[in-house]
Amino acid sequence: MSRYADLILELINQSKEHMTAEQLFLELKKTEPKVVQATVYNNLNALYQNGLIRKLSIENSPDRYDKIRKHDHLVCRKCGELSDINLEDLTKNLENQLKEEILSYDLKVFYLCKKCREE
């Protein structure tokens, strides 16, 4: 892996947010002023293709990047807020029904967050 890929992976793994490529570029530029956007996009693609990060595609929103650990996401239909959730019981239930170990899956649960419901 390149030095930039290592730095991008570190940013993603340390972030509490689900950052876009643009956000990662701006954050990386603070410590690596010579980095260009194409480098960030190319490294994100390589990290994703190699299974080191997750790419979250949400309608009408730029892709966001996340840690690889098993977890799911709540997405507000109105404002796009993205939160992590852990549905361990669902995973176990699926494995029991399928009689197979689940290696990975991508689940996004759409809802209206409290802020949007109160508007």
PDB file of N, CA and C in Angstrom:
ATOM      1  N   MET A   1       0.848  -1.190   0.000  1.00  0.00           N
ATOM      2  CA  MET A   1       0.000   0.000   0.000  1.00  0.00           C
ATOM      3  C   MET A   1       0.885   1.242   0.000  1.00  0.00           C
ATOM      4  N   SER A   2       0.390   2.280  -0.627  1.00  0.00           N
ATOM      5  CA  SER A   2       1.131   3.536  -0.669  1.00  0.00           C
ATOM      6  C   SER A   2       1.014   4.265   0.666  1.00  0.00           C
ATOM      7  N   ARG A   3       1.876   5.230   0.860  1.00  0.00           N
ATOM      8  CA  ARG A   3       1.841   6.040   2.079  1.00  0.00           C
ATOM      9  C   ARG A   3       0.499   6.755   2.189  1.00  0.00           C
ATOM     10  N   TYR A   4       0.002   7.279   1.070  1.00  0.00           N
ATOM     11  CA  TYR A   4      -1.293   7.963   1.093  1.00  0.00           C
ATOM     12  C   TYR A   4      -2.425   7.000   1.459  1.00  0.00           C
ATOM     13  N   ALA A   5      -2.369   5.787   0.941  1.00  0.00           N
ATOM     14  CA  ALA A   5      -3.398   4.796   1.280  1.00  0.00           C
ATOM     15  C   ALA A   5      -3.381   4.515   2.779  1.00  0.00           C
ATOM     16  N   ASP A   6      -2.190   4.388   3.345  1.00  0.00           N
ATOM     17  CA  ASP A   6      -2.070   4.175   4.794  1.00  0.00           C
ATOM     18  C   ASP A   6      -2.675   5.333   5.573  1.00  0.00           C
ATOM     19  N   LEU A   7      -2.401   6.559   5.134  1.00  0.00           N
ATOM     20  CA  LEU A   7      -2.916   7.745   5.825  1.00  0.00           C
ATOM     21  C   LEU A   7      -4.438   7.840   5.703  1.00  0.00           C
ATOM     22  N   ILE A   8      -4.957   7.537   4.528  1.00  0.00           N
ATOM     23  CA  ILE A   8      -6.411   7.572   4.312  1.00  0.00           C
ATOM     24  C   ILE A   8      -7.089   6.501   5.163  1.00  0.00           C
ATOM     25  N   LEU A   9      -6.525   5.309   5.182  1.00  0.00           N
ATOM     26  CA  LEU A   9      -7.077   4.228   5.997  1.00  0.00           C
ATOM     27  C   LEU A   9      -7.078   4.616   7.475  1.00  0.00           C
ATOM     28  N   GLU A  10      -6.015   5.245   7.925  1.00  0.00           N
ATOM     29  CA  GLU A  10      -5.935   5.702   9.313  1.00  0.00           C
ATOM     30  C   GLU A  10      -7.015   6.747   9.612  1.00  0.00           C
ATOM     31  N   LEU A  11      -7.219   7.693   8.680  1.00  0.00           N
ATOM     32  CA  LEU A  11      -8.270   8.704   8.864  1.00  0.00           C
ATOM     33  C   LEU A  11      -9.647   8.051   8.986  1.00  0.00           C
ATOM     34  N   ILE A  12      -9.929   7.107   8.120  1.00  0.00           N
ATOM     35  CA  ILE A  12     -11.230   6.431   8.139  1.00  0.00           C
ATOM     36  C   ILE A  12     -11.409   5.651   9.437  1.00  0.00           C
ATOM     37  N   ASN A  13     -10.380   4.928   9.840  1.00  0.00           N
ATOM     38  CA  ASN A  13     -10.490   4.103  11.043  1.00  0.00           C
ATOM     39  C   ASN A  13     -10.575   4.922  12.323  1.00  0.00           C
ATOM     40  N   GLN A  14     -10.053   6.145  12.313  1.00  0.00           N
ATOM     41  CA  GLN A  14     -10.097   6.990  13.509  1.00  0.00           C
ATOM     42  C   GLN A  14     -11.316   7.903  13.544  1.00  0.00           C
ATOM     43  N   SER A  15     -11.982   8.069  12.423  1.00  0.00           N
ATOM     44  CA  SER A  15     -13.107   9.001  12.341  1.00  0.00           C
ATOM     45  C   SER A  15     -14.366   8.425  12.979  1.00  0.00           C
ATOM     46  N   LYS A  16     -15.115   9.284  13.626  1.00  0.00           N
ATOM     47  CA  LYS A  16     -16.419   8.897  14.161  1.00  0.00           C
ATOM     48  C   LYS A  16     -17.512   9.156  13.118  1.00  0.00           C
ATOM     49  N   GLU A  17     -17.139   9.798  12.013  1.00  0.00           N
ATOM     50  CA  GLU A  17     -18.073  10.128  10.940  1.00  0.00           C
ATOM     51  C   GLU A  17     -17.891   9.163   9.773  1.00  0.00           C
ATOM     52  N   HIS A  18     -18.800   9.247   8.832  1.00  0.00           N
ATOM     53  CA  HIS A  18     -18.696   8.526   7.568  1.00  0.00           C
ATOM     54  C   HIS A  18     -18.310   9.583   6.536  1.00  0.00           C
ATOM     55  N   MET A  19     -17.029   9.700   6.274  1.00  0.00           N
ATOM     56  CA  MET A  19     -16.516  10.811   5.478  1.00  0.00           C
ATOM     57  C   MET A  19     -16.641  10.561   3.979  1.00  0.00           C
ATOM     58  N   THR A  20     -16.849  11.653   3.244  1.00  0.00           N
ATOM     59  CA  THR A  20     -16.851  11.606   1.785  1.00  0.00           C
ATOM     60  C   THR A  20     -15.408  11.714   1.301  1.00  0.00           C
ATOM     61  N   ALA A  21     -15.196  11.456   0.023  1.00  0.00           N
ATOM     62  CA  ALA A  21     -13.860  11.606  -0.556  1.00  0.00           C
ATOM     63  C   ALA A  21     -13.381  13.047  -0.403  1.00  0.00           C
ATOM     64  N   GLU A  22     -14.277  13.997  -0.592  1.00  0.00           N
ATOM     65  CA  GLU A  22     -13.926  15.417  -0.452  1.00  0.00           C
ATOM     66  C   GLU A  22     -13.485  15.729   0.976  1.00  0.00           C
ATOM     67  N   GLN A  23     -14.218  15.222   1.954  1.00  0.00           N
ATOM     68  CA  GLN A  23     -13.847  15.455   3.353  1.00  0.00           C
ATOM     69  C   GLN A  23     -12.500  14.814   3.678  1.00  0.00           C
ATOM     70  N   LEU A  24     -12.278  13.619   3.162  1.00  0.00           N
ATOM     71  CA  LEU A  24     -10.997  12.952   3.389  1.00  0.00           C
ATOM     72  C   LEU A  24      -9.861  13.724   2.734  1.00  0.00           C
ATOM     73  N   PHE A  25     -10.102  14.221   1.530  1.00  0.00           N
ATOM     74  CA  PHE A  25      -9.100  15.027   0.832  1.00  0.00           C
ATOM     75  C   PHE A  25      -8.740  16.268   1.648  1.00  0.00           C
ATOM     76  N   LEU A  26      -9.745  16.990   2.123  1.00  0.00           N
ATOM     77  CA  LEU A  26      -9.495  18.213   2.898  1.00  0.00           C
ATOM     78  C   LEU A  26      -8.776  17.909   4.207  1.00  0.00           C
ATOM     79  N   GLU A  27      -9.133  16.817   4.839  1.00  0.00           N
ATOM     80  CA  GLU A  27      -8.480  16.430   6.101  1.00  0.00           C
ATOM     81  C   GLU A  27      -7.027  16.030   5.848  1.00  0.00           C
ATOM     82  N   LEU A  28      -6.791  15.260   4.803  1.00  0.00           N
ATOM     83  CA  LEU A  28      -5.439  14.818   4.468  1.00  0.00           C
ATOM     84  C   LEU A  28      -4.558  15.990   4.056  1.00  0.00           C
ATOM     85  N   LYS A  29      -5.151  16.957   3.375  1.00  0.00           N
ATOM     86  CA  LYS A  29      -4.408  18.129   2.898  1.00  0.00           C
ATOM     87  C   LYS A  29      -3.826  18.944   4.058  1.00  0.00           C
ATOM     88  N   LYS A  30      -4.416  18.847   5.239  1.00  0.00           N
ATOM     89  CA  LYS A  30      -3.902  19.573   6.408  1.00  0.00           C
ATOM     90  C   LYS A  30      -2.488  19.127   6.770  1.00  0.00           C
ATOM     91  N   THR A  31      -2.205  17.850   6.588  1.00  0.00           N
ATOM     92  CA  THR A  31      -0.874  17.328   6.923  1.00  0.00           C
ATOM     93  C   THR A  31      -0.040  17.001   5.690  1.00  0.00           C
ATOM     94  N   GLU A  32      -0.705  16.875   4.552  1.00  0.00           N
ATOM     95  CA  GLU A  32      -0.032  16.536   3.287  1.00  0.00           C
ATOM     96  C   GLU A  32      -0.437  17.553   2.223  1.00  0.00           C
ATOM     97  N   PRO A  33       0.127  18.771   2.277  1.00  0.00           N
ATOM     98  CA  PRO A  33      -0.331  19.843   1.384  1.00  0.00           C
ATOM     99  C   PRO A  33      -0.168  19.561  -0.115  1.00  0.00           C
ATOM    100  N   LYS A  34       0.683  18.620  -0.485  1.00  0.00           N
ATOM    101  CA  LYS A  34       0.909  18.340  -1.908  1.00  0.00           C
ATOM    102  C   LYS A  34      -0.057  17.300  -2.485  1.00  0.00           C
ATOM    103  N   VAL A  35      -0.884  16.702  -1.641  1.00  0.00           N
ATOM    104  CA  VAL A  35      -1.804  15.676  -2.130  1.00  0.00           C
ATOM    105  C   VAL A  35      -2.834  16.305  -3.070  1.00  0.00           C
ATOM    106  N   VAL A  36      -3.211  15.555  -4.100  1.00  0.00           N
ATOM    107  CA  VAL A  36      -4.238  16.015  -5.041  1.00  0.00           C
ATOM    108  C   VAL A  36      -5.459  15.099  -4.918  1.00  0.00           C
ATOM    109  N   GLN A  37      -6.600  15.623  -5.351  1.00  0.00           N
ATOM    110  CA  GLN A  37      -7.858  14.882  -5.214  1.00  0.00           C
ATOM    111  C   GLN A  37      -7.820  13.521  -5.906  1.00  0.00           C
ATOM    112  N   ALA A  38      -7.221  13.468  -7.077  1.00  0.00           N
ATOM    113  CA  ALA A  38      -7.169  12.205  -7.821  1.00  0.00           C
ATOM    114  C   ALA A  38      -6.452  11.124  -7.015  1.00  0.00           C
ATOM    115  N   THR A  39      -5.433  11.502  -6.280  1.00  0.00           N
ATOM    116  CA  THR A  39      -4.704  10.547  -5.439  1.00  0.00           C
ATOM    117  C   THR A  39      -5.619   9.968  -4.370  1.00  0.00           C
ATOM    118  N   VAL A  40      -6.434  10.823  -3.772  1.00  0.00           N
ATOM    119  CA  VAL A  40      -7.369  10.364  -2.740  1.00  0.00           C
ATOM    120  C   VAL A  40      -8.388   9.412  -3.361  1.00  0.00           C
ATOM    121  N   TYR A  41      -8.974   9.788  -4.491  1.00  0.00           N
ATOM    122  CA  TYR A  41      -9.964   8.924  -5.149  1.00  0.00           C
ATOM    123  C   TYR A  41      -9.353   7.581  -5.554  1.00  0.00           C
ATOM    124  N   ASN A  42      -8.161   7.609  -6.131  1.00  0.00           N
ATOM    125  CA  ASN A  42      -7.509   6.369  -6.559  1.00  0.00           C
ATOM    126  C   ASN A  42      -7.208   5.455  -5.375  1.00  0.00           C
ATOM    127  N   ASN A  43      -6.734   6.045  -4.278  1.00  0.00           N
ATOM    128  CA  ASN A  43      -6.426   5.242  -3.097  1.00  0.00           C
ATOM    129  C   ASN A  43      -7.686   4.719  -2.422  1.00  0.00           C
ATOM    130  N   LEU A  44      -8.748   5.519  -2.396  1.00  0.00           N
ATOM    131  CA  LEU A  44     -10.021   5.041  -1.848  1.00  0.00           C
ATOM    132  C   LEU A  44     -10.519   3.843  -2.650  1.00  0.00           C
ATOM    133  N   ASN A  45     -10.428   3.933  -3.967  1.00  0.00           N
ATOM    134  CA  ASN A  45     -10.858   2.830  -4.821  1.00  0.00           C
ATOM    135  C   ASN A  45     -10.035   1.572  -4.542  1.00  0.00           C
ATOM    136  N   ALA A  46      -8.720   1.732  -4.414  1.00  0.00           N
ATOM    137  CA  ALA A  46      -7.849   0.582  -4.135  1.00  0.00           C
ATOM    138  C   ALA A  46      -8.157  -0.022  -2.764  1.00  0.00           C
ATOM    139  N   LEU A  47      -8.355   0.824  -1.763  1.00  0.00           N
ATOM    140  CA  LEU A  47      -8.686   0.334  -0.421  1.00  0.00           C
ATOM    141  C   LEU A  47     -10.011  -0.428  -0.436  1.00  0.00           C
ATOM    142  N   TYR A  48     -10.987   0.104  -1.165  1.00  0.00           N
ATOM    143  CA  TYR A  48     -12.297  -0.553  -1.277  1.00  0.00           C
ATOM    144  C   TYR A  48     -12.177  -1.886  -2.027  1.00  0.00           C
ATOM    145  N   GLN A  49     -11.485  -1.876  -3.155  1.00  0.00           N
ATOM    146  CA  GLN A  49     -11.325  -3.093  -3.967  1.00  0.00           C
ATOM    147  C   GLN A  49     -10.602  -4.194  -3.196  1.00  0.00           C
ATOM    148  N   ASN A  50      -9.708  -3.805  -2.289  1.00  0.00           N
ATOM    149  CA  ASN A  50      -8.956  -4.776  -1.492  1.00  0.00           C
ATOM    150  C   ASN A  50      -9.661  -5.150  -0.185  1.00  0.00           C
ATOM    151  N   GLY A  51     -10.886  -4.656  -0.003  1.00  0.00           N
ATOM    152  CA  GLY A  51     -11.673  -5.028   1.166  1.00  0.00           C
ATOM    153  C   GLY A  51     -11.207  -4.422   2.475  1.00  0.00           C
ATOM    154  N   LEU A  52     -10.516  -3.285   2.400  1.00  0.00           N
ATOM    155  CA  LEU A  52      -9.993  -2.659   3.614  1.00  0.00           C
ATOM    156  C   LEU A  52     -10.904  -1.571   4.165  1.00  0.00           C
ATOM    157  N   ILE A  53     -11.849  -1.102   3.344  1.00  0.00           N
ATOM    158  CA  ILE A  53     -12.837  -0.110   3.773  1.00  0.00           C
ATOM    159  C   ILE A  53     -14.182  -0.459   3.144  1.00  0.00           C
ATOM    160  N   ARG A  54     -15.231   0.151   3.674  1.00  0.00           N
ATOM    161  CA  ARG A  54     -16.570   0.008   3.100  1.00  0.00           C
ATOM    162  C   ARG A  54     -16.931   1.297   2.383  1.00  0.00           C
ATOM    163  N   LYS A  55     -17.621   1.156   1.258  1.00  0.00           N
ATOM    164  CA  LYS A  55     -18.144   2.320   0.545  1.00  0.00           C
ATOM    165  C   LYS A  55     -19.650   2.304   0.712  1.00  0.00           C
ATOM    166  N   LEU A  56     -20.190   3.423   1.192  1.00  0.00           N
ATOM    167  CA  LEU A  56     -21.626   3.536   1.425  1.00  0.00           C
ATOM    168  C   LEU A  56     -22.227   4.439   0.364  1.00  0.00           C
ATOM    169  N   SER A  57     -23.045   3.870  -0.482  1.00  0.00           N
ATOM    170  CA  SER A  57     -23.716   4.639  -1.529  1.00  0.00           C
ATOM    171  C   SER A  57     -25.143   4.908  -1.089  1.00  0.00           C
ATOM    172  N   ILE A  58     -25.488   6.175  -1.034  1.00  0.00           N
ATOM    173  CA  ILE A  58     -26.826   6.590  -0.625  1.00  0.00           C
ATOM    174  C   ILE A  58     -27.355   7.541  -1.683  1.00  0.00           C
ATOM    175  N   GLU A  59     -28.582   7.295  -2.108  1.00  0.00           N
ATOM    176  CA  GLU A  59     -29.219   8.087  -3.156  1.00  0.00           C
ATOM    177  C   GLU A  59     -29.095   9.587  -2.885  1.00  0.00           C
ATOM    178  N   ASN A  60     -28.775  10.349  -3.928  1.00  0.00           N
ATOM    179  CA  ASN A  60     -28.668  11.813  -3.880  1.00  0.00           C
ATOM    180  C   ASN A  60     -27.632  12.316  -2.882  1.00  0.00           C
ATOM    181  N   SER A  61     -26.594  11.534  -2.669  1.00  0.00           N
ATOM    182  CA  SER A  61     -25.551  11.902  -1.717  1.00  0.00           C
ATOM    183  C   SER A  61     -24.228  11.329  -2.219  1.00  0.00           C
ATOM    184  N   PRO A  62     -23.122  12.031  -1.967  1.00  0.00           N
ATOM    185  CA  PRO A  62     -21.836  11.451  -2.381  1.00  0.00           C
ATOM    186  C   PRO A  62     -21.533  10.183  -1.575  1.00  0.00           C
ATOM    187  N   ASP A  63     -20.778   9.278  -2.178  1.00  0.00           N
ATOM    188  CA  ASP A  63     -20.371   8.070  -1.460  1.00  0.00           C
ATOM    189  C   ASP A  63     -19.631   8.457  -0.191  1.00  0.00           C
ATOM    190  N   ARG A  64     -19.810   7.652   0.834  1.00  0.00           N
ATOM    191  CA  ARG A  64     -19.098   7.849   2.100  1.00  0.00           C
ATOM    192  C   ARG A  64     -18.315   6.578   2.390  1.00  0.00           C
ATOM    193  N   TYR A  65     -17.283   6.728   3.188  1.00  0.00           N
ATOM    194  CA  TYR A  65     -16.378   5.610   3.452  1.00  0.00           C
ATOM    195  C   TYR A  65     -16.355   5.305   4.939  1.00  0.00           C
ATOM    196  N   ASP A  66     -16.178   4.019   5.250  1.00  0.00           N
ATOM    197  CA  ASP A  66     -16.344   3.572   6.630  1.00  0.00           C
ATOM    198  C   ASP A  66     -15.386   2.429   6.948  1.00  0.00           C
ATOM    199  N   LYS A  67     -15.257   2.178   8.219  1.00  0.00           N
ATOM    200  CA  LYS A  67     -14.456   1.065   8.730  1.00  0.00           C
ATOM    201  C   LYS A  67     -15.036  -0.254   8.227  1.00  0.00           C
ATOM    202  N   ILE A  68     -14.211  -1.268   8.202  1.00  0.00           N
ATOM    203  CA  ILE A  68     -14.632  -2.551   7.654  1.00  0.00           C
ATOM    204  C   ILE A  68     -15.367  -3.421   8.679  1.00  0.00           C
ATOM    205  N   ARG A  69     -15.293  -3.101   9.956  1.00  0.00           N
ATOM    206  CA  ARG A  69     -15.916  -3.962  10.978  1.00  0.00           C
ATOM    207  C   ARG A  69     -17.407  -4.153  10.693  1.00  0.00           C
ATOM    208  N   LYS A  70     -17.928  -5.291  11.140  1.00  0.00           N
ATOM    209  CA  LYS A  70     -19.339  -5.621  10.884  1.00  0.00           C
ATOM    210  C   LYS A  70     -20.251  -4.681  11.664  1.00  0.00           C
ATOM    211  N   HIS A  71     -21.060  -3.954  10.950  1.00  0.00           N
ATOM    212  CA  HIS A  71     -22.107  -3.110  11.533  1.00  0.00           C
ATOM    213  C   HIS A  71     -23.019  -2.646  10.409  1.00  0.00           C
ATOM    214  N   ASP A  72     -24.140  -2.073  10.777  1.00  0.00           N
ATOM    215  CA  ASP A  72     -25.131  -1.623   9.807  1.00  0.00           C
ATOM    216  C   ASP A  72     -25.348  -0.123   9.976  1.00  0.00           C
ATOM    217  N   HIS A  73     -26.252   0.432   9.187  1.00  0.00           N
ATOM    218  CA  HIS A  73     -26.429   1.880   9.193  1.00  0.00           C
ATOM    219  C   HIS A  73     -27.891   2.297   9.205  1.00  0.00           C
ATOM    220  N   LEU A  74     -28.158   3.354   9.956  1.00  0.00           N
ATOM    221  CA  LEU A  74     -29.441   4.055   9.933  1.00  0.00           C
ATOM    222  C   LEU A  74     -29.243   5.292   9.077  1.00  0.00           C
ATOM    223  N   VAL A  75     -30.141   5.519   8.137  1.00  0.00           N
ATOM    224  CA  VAL A  75     -30.033   6.673   7.247  1.00  0.00           C
ATOM    225  C   VAL A  75     -31.340   7.450   7.292  1.00  0.00           C
ATOM    226  N   CYS A  76     -31.259   8.729   7.643  1.00  0.00           N
ATOM    227  CA  CYS A  76     -32.455   9.566   7.640  1.00  0.00           C
ATOM    228  C   CYS A  76     -32.820   9.891   6.195  1.00  0.00           C
ATOM    229  N   ARG A  77     -34.048   9.594   5.808  1.00  0.00           N
ATOM    230  CA  ARG A  77     -34.524   9.842   4.440  1.00  0.00           C
ATOM    231  C   ARG A  77     -34.546  11.324   4.093  1.00  0.00           C
ATOM    232  N   LYS A  78     -34.717  12.179   5.098  1.00  0.00           N
ATOM    233  CA  LYS A  78     -34.862  13.601   4.822  1.00  0.00           C
ATOM    234  C   LYS A  78     -33.521  14.336   4.808  1.00  0.00           C
ATOM    235  N   CYS A  79     -32.738  14.223   5.872  1.00  0.00           N
ATOM    236  CA  CYS A  79     -31.500  15.009   5.980  1.00  0.00           C
ATOM    237  C   CYS A  79     -30.249  14.216   5.611  1.00  0.00           C
ATOM    238  N   GLY A  80     -30.374  12.899   5.491  1.00  0.00           N
ATOM    239  CA  GLY A  80     -29.227  12.079   5.108  1.00  0.00           C
ATOM    240  C   GLY A  80     -28.297  11.713   6.246  1.00  0.00           C
ATOM    241  N   GLU A  81     -28.666  12.059   7.481  1.00  0.00           N
ATOM    242  CA  GLU A  81     -27.823  11.697   8.626  1.00  0.00           C
ATOM    243  C   GLU A  81     -27.583  10.192   8.613  1.00  0.00           C
ATOM    244  N   LEU A  82     -26.341   9.813   8.862  1.00  0.00           N
ATOM    245  CA  LEU A  82     -25.936   8.411   8.804  1.00  0.00           C
ATOM    246  C   LEU A  82     -25.372   8.013  10.158  1.00  0.00           C
ATOM    247  N   SER A  83     -25.927   6.966  10.750  1.00  0.00           N
ATOM    248  CA  SER A  83     -25.491   6.497  12.067  1.00  0.00           C
ATOM    249  C   SER A  83     -25.215   5.005  12.020  1.00  0.00           C
ATOM    250  N   ASP A  84     -24.260   4.564  12.828  1.00  0.00           N
ATOM    251  CA  ASP A  84     -23.967   3.142  12.950  1.00  0.00           C
ATOM    252  C   ASP A  84     -24.964   2.474  13.884  1.00  0.00           C
ATOM    253  N   ILE A  85     -25.358   1.254  13.540  1.00  0.00           N
ATOM    254  CA  ILE A  85     -26.146   0.413  14.440  1.00  0.00           C
ATOM    255  C   ILE A  85     -25.568  -0.997  14.381  1.00  0.00           C
ATOM    256  N   ASN A  86     -25.746  -1.741  15.438  1.00  0.00           N
ATOM    257  CA  ASN A  86     -25.258  -3.111  15.477  1.00  0.00           C
ATOM    258  C   ASN A  86     -26.457  -4.035  15.648  1.00  0.00           C
ATOM    259  N   LEU A  87     -26.736  -4.801  14.627  1.00  0.00           N
ATOM    260  CA  LEU A  87     -27.881  -5.720  14.643  1.00  0.00           C
ATOM    261  C   LEU A  87     -27.379  -7.158  14.748  1.00  0.00           C
ATOM    262  N   GLU A  88     -26.666  -7.438  15.818  1.00  0.00           N
ATOM    263  CA  GLU A  88     -26.060  -8.752  16.023  1.00  0.00           C
ATOM    264  C   GLU A  88     -27.094  -9.873  15.968  1.00  0.00           C
ATOM    265  N   ASP A  89     -28.276  -9.642  16.547  1.00  0.00           N
ATOM    266  CA  ASP A  89     -29.326 -10.668  16.524  1.00  0.00           C
ATOM    267  C   ASP A  89     -29.753 -11.001  15.098  1.00  0.00           C
ATOM    268  N   LEU A  90     -29.800  -9.993  14.235  1.00  0.00           N
ATOM    269  CA  LEU A  90     -30.179 -10.224  12.845  1.00  0.00           C
ATOM    270  C   LEU A  90     -29.150 -11.115  12.158  1.00  0.00           C
ATOM    271  N   THR A  91     -27.882 -10.818  12.365  1.00  0.00           N
ATOM    272  CA  THR A  91     -26.818 -11.620  11.759  1.00  0.00           C
ATOM    273  C   THR A  91     -26.907 -13.070  12.227  1.00  0.00           C
ATOM    274  N   LYS A  92     -27.069 -13.266  13.519  1.00  0.00           N
ATOM    275  CA  LYS A  92     -27.167 -14.630  14.056  1.00  0.00           C
ATOM    276  C   LYS A  92     -28.397 -15.344  13.505  1.00  0.00           C
ATOM    277  N   ASN A  93     -29.507 -14.632  13.410  1.00  0.00           N
ATOM    278  CA  ASN A  93     -30.737 -15.211  12.882  1.00  0.00           C
ATOM    279  C   ASN A  93     -30.547 -15.645  11.430  1.00  0.00           C
ATOM    280  N   LEU A  94     -29.930 -14.787  10.629  1.00  0.00           N
ATOM    281  CA  LEU A  94     -29.681 -15.130   9.221  1.00  0.00           C
ATOM    282  C   LEU A  94     -28.765 -16.343   9.110  1.00  0.00           C
ATOM    283  N   GLU A  95     -27.711 -16.372   9.921  1.00  0.00           N
ATOM    284  CA  GLU A  95     -26.791 -17.510   9.882  1.00  0.00           C
ATOM    285  C   GLU A  95     -27.506 -18.805  10.270  1.00  0.00           C
ATOM    286  N   ASN A  96     -28.380 -18.724  11.269  1.00  0.00           N
ATOM    287  CA  ASN A  96     -29.141 -19.913  11.681  1.00  0.00           C
ATOM    288  C   ASN A  96     -30.077 -20.380  10.573  1.00  0.00           C
ATOM    289  N   GLN A  97     -30.741 -19.439   9.910  1.00  0.00           N
ATOM    290  CA  GLN A  97     -31.667 -19.806   8.835  1.00  0.00           C
ATOM    291  C   GLN A  97     -30.935 -20.371   7.625  1.00  0.00           C
ATOM    292  N   LEU A  98     -29.799 -19.765   7.292  1.00  0.00           N
ATOM    293  CA  LEU A  98     -29.052 -20.188   6.107  1.00  0.00           C
ATOM    294  C   LEU A  98     -28.147 -21.389   6.372  1.00  0.00           C
ATOM    295  N   LYS A  99     -27.874 -21.628   7.643  1.00  0.00           N
ATOM    296  CA  LYS A  99     -26.920 -22.675   8.037  1.00  0.00           C
ATOM    297  C   LYS A  99     -25.546 -22.417   7.417  1.00  0.00           C
ATOM    298  N   GLU A 100     -25.204 -21.142   7.312  1.00  0.00           N
ATOM    299  CA  GLU A 100     -23.925 -20.708   6.750  1.00  0.00           C
ATOM    300  C   GLU A 100     -23.415 -19.517   7.542  1.00  0.00           C
ATOM    301  N   GLU A 101     -22.097 -19.353   7.554  1.00  0.00           N
ATOM    302  CA  GLU A 101     -21.514 -18.167   8.177  1.00  0.00           C
ATOM    303  C   GLU A 101     -21.616 -17.002   7.201  1.00  0.00           C
ATOM    304  N   ILE A 102     -22.111 -15.878   7.681  1.00  0.00           N
ATOM    305  CA  ILE A 102     -22.195 -14.680   6.844  1.00  0.00           C
ATOM    306  C   ILE A 102     -20.866 -13.945   6.932  1.00  0.00           C
ATOM    307  N   LEU A 103     -20.236 -13.745   5.796  1.00  0.00           N
ATOM    308  CA  LEU A 103     -18.961 -13.035   5.769  1.00  0.00           C
ATOM    309  C   LEU A 103     -19.168 -11.535   5.780  1.00  0.00           C
ATOM    310  N   SER A 104     -20.134 -11.079   4.996  1.00  0.00           N
ATOM    311  CA  SER A 104     -20.431  -9.648   4.985  1.00  0.00           C
ATOM    312  C   SER A 104     -21.778  -9.421   4.315  1.00  0.00           C
ATOM    313  N   TYR A 105     -22.344  -8.276   4.588  1.00  0.00           N
ATOM    314  CA  TYR A 105     -23.547  -7.813   3.912  1.00  0.00           C
ATOM    315  C   TYR A 105     -23.634  -6.321   4.145  1.00  0.00           C
ATOM    316  N   ASP A 106     -24.499  -5.658   3.407  1.00  0.00           N
ATOM    317  CA  ASP A 106     -24.634  -4.209   3.531  1.00  0.00           C
ATOM    318  C   ASP A 106     -26.100  -3.893   3.773  1.00  0.00           C
ATOM    319  N   LEU A 107     -26.411  -3.449   4.988  1.00  0.00           N
ATOM    320  CA  LEU A 107     -27.787  -3.135   5.337  1.00  0.00           C
ATOM    321  C   LEU A 107     -27.882  -1.671   5.734  1.00  0.00           C
ATOM    322  N   LYS A 108     -28.783  -0.969   5.064  1.00  0.00           N
ATOM    323  CA  LYS A 108     -29.087   0.422   5.414  1.00  0.00           C
ATOM    324  C   LYS A 108     -30.561   0.465   5.783  1.00  0.00           C
ATOM    325  N   VAL A 109     -30.847   0.908   6.988  1.00  0.00           N
ATOM    326  CA  VAL A 109     -32.218   1.040   7.461  1.00  0.00           C
ATOM    327  C   VAL A 109     -32.595   2.507   7.339  1.00  0.00           C
ATOM    328  N   PHE A 110     -33.610   2.805   6.541  1.00  0.00           N
ATOM    329  CA  PHE A 110     -34.026   4.187   6.324  1.00  0.00           C
ATOM    330  C   PHE A 110     -35.142   4.552   7.290  1.00  0.00           C
ATOM    331  N   TYR A 111     -35.075   5.764   7.812  1.00  0.00           N
ATOM    332  CA  TYR A 111     -36.054   6.251   8.788  1.00  0.00           C
ATOM    333  C   TYR A 111     -36.048   7.771   8.761  1.00  0.00           C
ATOM    334  N   LEU A 112     -36.853   8.407   9.594  1.00  0.00           N
ATOM    335  CA  LEU A 112     -36.789   9.854   9.799  1.00  0.00           C
ATOM    336  C   LEU A 112     -36.212  10.084  11.186  1.00  0.00           C
ATOM    337  N   CYS A 113     -35.113  10.805  11.244  1.00  0.00           N
ATOM    338  CA  CYS A 113     -34.476  11.071  12.533  1.00  0.00           C
ATOM    339  C   CYS A 113     -35.371  11.983  13.384  1.00  0.00           C
ATOM    340  N   LYS A 114     -35.059  12.059  14.650  1.00  0.00           N
ATOM    341  CA  LYS A 114     -35.875  12.832  15.587  1.00  0.00           C
ATOM    342  C   LYS A 114     -35.993  14.292  15.152  1.00  0.00           C
ATOM    343  N   LYS A 115     -34.878  14.871  14.730  1.00  0.00           N
ATOM    344  CA  LYS A 115     -34.876  16.279  14.303  1.00  0.00           C
ATOM    345  C   LYS A 115     -35.833  16.494  13.129  1.00  0.00           C
ATOM    346  N   CYS A 116     -35.780  15.611  12.146  1.00  0.00           N
ATOM    347  CA  CYS A 116     -36.647  15.750  10.967  1.00  0.00           C
ATOM    348  C   CYS A 116     -38.109  15.462  11.300  1.00  0.00           C
ATOM    349  N   ARG A 117     -38.366  14.538  12.203  1.00  0.00           N
ATOM    350  CA  ARG A 117     -39.749  14.250  12.613  1.00  0.00           C
ATOM    351  C   ARG A 117     -40.371  15.445  13.320  1.00  0.00           C
ATOM    352  N   GLU A 118     -39.553  16.207  14.032  1.00  0.00           N
ATOM    353  CA  GLU A 118     -40.070  17.339  14.801  1.00  0.00           C
ATOM    354  C   GLU A 118     -40.256  18.596  13.961  1.00  0.00           C
ATOM    355  N   GLU A 119     -39.754  18.585  12.737  1.00  0.00           N
ATOM    356  CA  GLU A 119     -39.891  19.769  11.873  1.00  0.00           C
ATOM    357  C   GLU A 119     -41.286  19.890  11.309  1.00  0.00           C
TER     358      GLU A 119
END
